Amino acid sequence: IPKPAQDENRVYPDSKHIAVIHKGHFYTFNVLGESGQMVDGGVVKASIQDILSDTRPVNQHSIGYFTSMSRSSWADIRPELDALNPEMMHQIDSALFVLCLDEYDVAKQEPGVPISEYDGIPLIRNGLHGEAYNRWFDKSFQLIITKNGKGAVHFEHSWG
């Protein structure tokens, strides 16, 4: 959590949900049951399908943008968001991780072309610098999935 002098690490040992960002809109759903077991894969799939079926346009005013600001600016703004919508901020903060479902379509590796010759630069760029409206850079890691199923992980290193 951004703070003026030094960021604050928070731990939520009872968390059972993930946060999902799609087109700058935030969603959450449980991936662990009451006793810590994983929920059925069909439940996860249905939750993701529901999110992907949301027809709202890209949220050009997504709060994800704030996490890409300088730490001091973000630390100044964060208390205002906490006051405006404390439940939403808590849901994001306490999520196990963030799943970013991007509309970006990374080029596919051509059949028969060895992985060593695949140009993964667009995927790497999207993972590192993807659309800020669809990221929450304060999470320890974000799983990023492109429209055509390519994946990347964005790892926030400072806590580790």
Protein backbone atom coordinates (compact mmCIF):
# COMPACT_ATOMS: atom_id res chain seq x y z
CA ILE A 1 0.00 0.00 0.00
CA PRO A 2 1.59 3.33 -0.98
CA LYS A 3 2.55 5.51 1.98
CA PRO A 4 4.40 8.85 2.01
CA ALA A 5 7.65 7.64 3.59
CA GLN A 6 7.59 3.91 2.91
CA ASP A 7 5.05 1.52 1.40
CA GLU A 8 3.17 -0.78 3.77
CA ASN A 9 2.93 -4.53 3.19
CA ARG A 10 -0.32 -6.11 4.31
CA VAL A 11 -1.10 -9.80 4.64
CA TYR A 12 -4.60 -11.31 4.45
CA PRO A 13 -4.24 -14.96 5.52
CA ASP A 14 -7.99 -15.65 5.30
CA SER A 15 -8.40 -14.34 1.76
CA LYS A 16 -10.26 -16.64 -0.63
CA HIS A 17 -10.85 -14.43 -3.66
CA ILE A 18 -9.01 -13.00 -6.63
CA ALA A 19 -9.50 -9.64 -8.30
CA VAL A 20 -10.07 -9.59 -12.04
CA ILE A 21 -9.63 -6.57 -14.28
CA HIS A 22 -11.21 -6.52 -17.72
CA LYS A 23 -11.39 -3.36 -19.84
CA GLY A 24 -10.56 -1.34 -16.72
CA HIS A 25 -13.52 -2.73 -14.71
CA PHE A 26 -12.81 -4.59 -11.47
CA TYR A 27 -14.48 -7.83 -10.35
CA THR A 28 -13.85 -10.36 -7.60
CA PHE A 29 -14.84 -13.96 -7.02
CA ASN A 30 -13.80 -16.72 -4.64
CA VAL A 31 -11.35 -19.35 -5.83
CA LEU A 32 -11.05 -21.05 -2.43
CA GLY A 33 -13.86 -22.57 -0.39
CA GLU A 34 -14.54 -22.11 3.32
CA SER A 35 -11.92 -24.67 4.39
CA GLY A 36 -9.32 -23.47 1.90
CA GLN A 37 -9.96 -26.01 -0.86
CA MET A 38 -10.01 -24.84 -4.47
CA VAL A 39 -13.48 -24.27 -5.86
CA ASP A 40 -14.58 -26.36 -8.82
CA GLY A 41 -12.97 -25.34 -12.11
CA GLY A 42 -16.41 -24.96 -13.64
CA VAL A 43 -17.21 -22.22 -11.14
CA VAL A 44 -14.02 -20.37 -12.04
CA LYS A 45 -14.71 -20.79 -15.75
CA ALA A 46 -18.30 -19.52 -15.38
CA SER A 47 -17.11 -16.50 -13.37
CA ILE A 48 -14.55 -15.61 -16.03
CA GLN A 49 -17.11 -16.10 -18.81
CA ASP A 50 -19.51 -13.76 -16.99
CA ILE A 51 -16.77 -11.12 -16.77
CA LEU A 52 -15.84 -11.49 -20.45
CA SER A 53 -19.50 -11.15 -21.45
CA ASP A 54 -19.73 -7.69 -19.84
CA THR A 55 -20.34 -5.40 -22.83
CA ARG A 56 -19.38 -2.13 -21.17
CA PRO A 57 -16.71 -0.17 -23.05
CA VAL A 58 -13.19 0.32 -21.70
CA ASN A 59 -13.21 2.32 -18.48
CA GLN A 60 -10.97 5.22 -19.45
CA HIS A 61 -11.08 6.42 -15.81
CA SER A 62 -10.02 3.15 -14.20
CA ILE A 63 -8.40 3.39 -10.79
CA GLY A 64 -5.69 1.08 -12.12
CA TYR A 65 -4.03 4.16 -13.62
CA PHE A 66 -3.19 5.42 -10.14
CA THR A 67 -0.91 2.47 -9.44
CA SER A 68 1.30 3.49 -12.38
CA MET A 69 1.93 6.97 -10.95
CA SER A 70 4.99 8.00 -9.00
CA ARG A 71 4.83 6.47 -5.54
CA SER A 72 4.61 9.85 -3.79
CA SER A 73 1.71 11.02 -5.97
CA TRP A 74 -0.10 7.69 -5.57
CA ALA A 75 0.50 7.79 -1.79
CA ASP A 76 -1.16 11.23 -1.68
CA ILE A 77 -4.23 10.07 -3.66
CA ARG A 78 -4.72 6.61 -2.12
CA PRO A 79 -6.39 7.82 1.14
CA GLU A 80 -9.04 9.59 -0.93
CA LEU A 81 -9.93 6.34 -2.73
CA ASP A 82 -9.96 4.48 0.59
CA ALA A 83 -12.45 7.03 1.93
CA LEU A 84 -14.63 7.01 -1.22
CA ASN A 85 -14.96 3.24 -1.50
CA PRO A 86 -13.28 1.37 1.37
CA GLU A 87 -14.93 -1.98 0.54
CA MET A 88 -13.73 -1.99 -3.06
CA MET A 89 -10.20 -1.02 -2.05
CA HIS A 90 -10.18 -3.76 0.59
CA GLN A 91 -11.38 -6.32 -1.96
CA ILE A 92 -8.50 -5.42 -4.28
CA ASP A 93 -5.90 -5.25 -1.50
CA SER A 94 -6.93 -8.54 0.06
CA ALA A 95 -7.20 -10.49 -3.20
CA LEU A 96 -4.85 -13.46 -3.55
CA PHE A 97 -3.68 -12.00 -6.86
CA VAL A 98 -4.97 -10.01 -9.81
CA LEU A 99 -6.02 -11.63 -13.07
CA CYS A 100 -5.80 -9.14 -15.95
CA LEU A 101 -7.93 -10.15 -18.93
CA ASP A 102 -6.58 -8.04 -21.76
CA GLU A 103 -8.23 -7.20 -25.04
CA TYR A 104 -4.75 -7.12 -26.57
CA ASP A 105 -4.16 -9.86 -29.14
CA VAL A 106 -0.53 -11.02 -29.22
CA ALA A 107 0.74 -12.62 -32.43
CA LYS A 108 0.57 -16.40 -32.33
CA GLN A 109 3.58 -18.63 -32.78
CA GLU A 110 3.32 -20.15 -36.23
CA PRO A 111 3.02 -23.95 -36.39
CA GLY A 112 6.34 -25.63 -37.10
CA VAL A 113 8.38 -22.59 -36.01
CA PRO A 114 10.61 -23.45 -33.04
CA ILE A 115 9.94 -21.52 -29.85
CA SER A 116 13.50 -20.19 -30.06
CA GLU A 117 12.50 -18.30 -33.21
CA TYR A 118 9.18 -16.98 -31.86
CA ASP A 119 9.25 -13.22 -31.33
CA GLY A 120 7.91 -12.93 -27.81
CA ILE A 121 8.76 -9.22 -27.52
CA PRO A 122 5.12 -8.03 -27.93
CA LEU A 123 4.02 -10.39 -25.16
CA ILE A 124 6.85 -9.23 -22.90
CA ARG A 125 6.02 -5.58 -23.57
CA ASN A 126 2.37 -6.19 -22.80
CA GLY A 127 3.32 -7.93 -19.55
CA LEU A 128 5.64 -5.15 -18.43
CA HIS A 129 3.91 -2.10 -19.86
CA GLY A 130 0.37 -3.14 -20.71
CA GLU A 131 -2.56 -0.77 -20.54
CA ALA A 132 -2.46 0.83 -17.08
CA TYR A 133 -6.26 0.85 -16.89
CA ASN A 134 -6.10 -2.95 -16.83
CA ARG A 135 -3.38 -3.34 -14.19
CA TRP A 136 -2.99 -3.06 -10.43
CA PHE A 137 0.75 -2.65 -10.00
CA ASP A 138 0.54 -2.78 -6.19
CA LYS A 139 -0.25 -6.51 -6.08
CA SER A 140 2.60 -8.94 -5.51
CA PHE A 141 1.81 -10.47 -8.88
CA GLN A 142 -0.63 -10.17 -11.71
CA LEU A 143 -1.48 -12.97 -14.09
CA ILE A 144 -2.01 -11.36 -17.50
CA ILE A 145 -3.93 -13.21 -20.20
CA THR A 146 -4.31 -11.74 -23.69
CA LYS A 147 -7.40 -12.04 -25.84
CA ASN A 148 -5.89 -14.98 -27.74
CA GLY A 149 -4.76 -16.83 -24.61
CA LYS A 150 -1.11 -15.82 -24.29
CA GLY A 151 -0.01 -15.38 -20.71
CA ALA A 152 2.49 -13.38 -18.72
CA VAL A 153 3.15 -12.70 -15.05
CA HIS A 154 3.94 -9.25 -13.71
CA PHE A 155 5.78 -9.63 -10.40
CA GLU A 156 6.07 -6.73 -7.97
CA HIS A 157 9.58 -7.24 -6.58
CA SER A 158 9.85 -4.89 -3.61
CA TRP A 159 8.16 -7.14 -1.03
CA GLY A 160 10.15 -10.28 -1.89
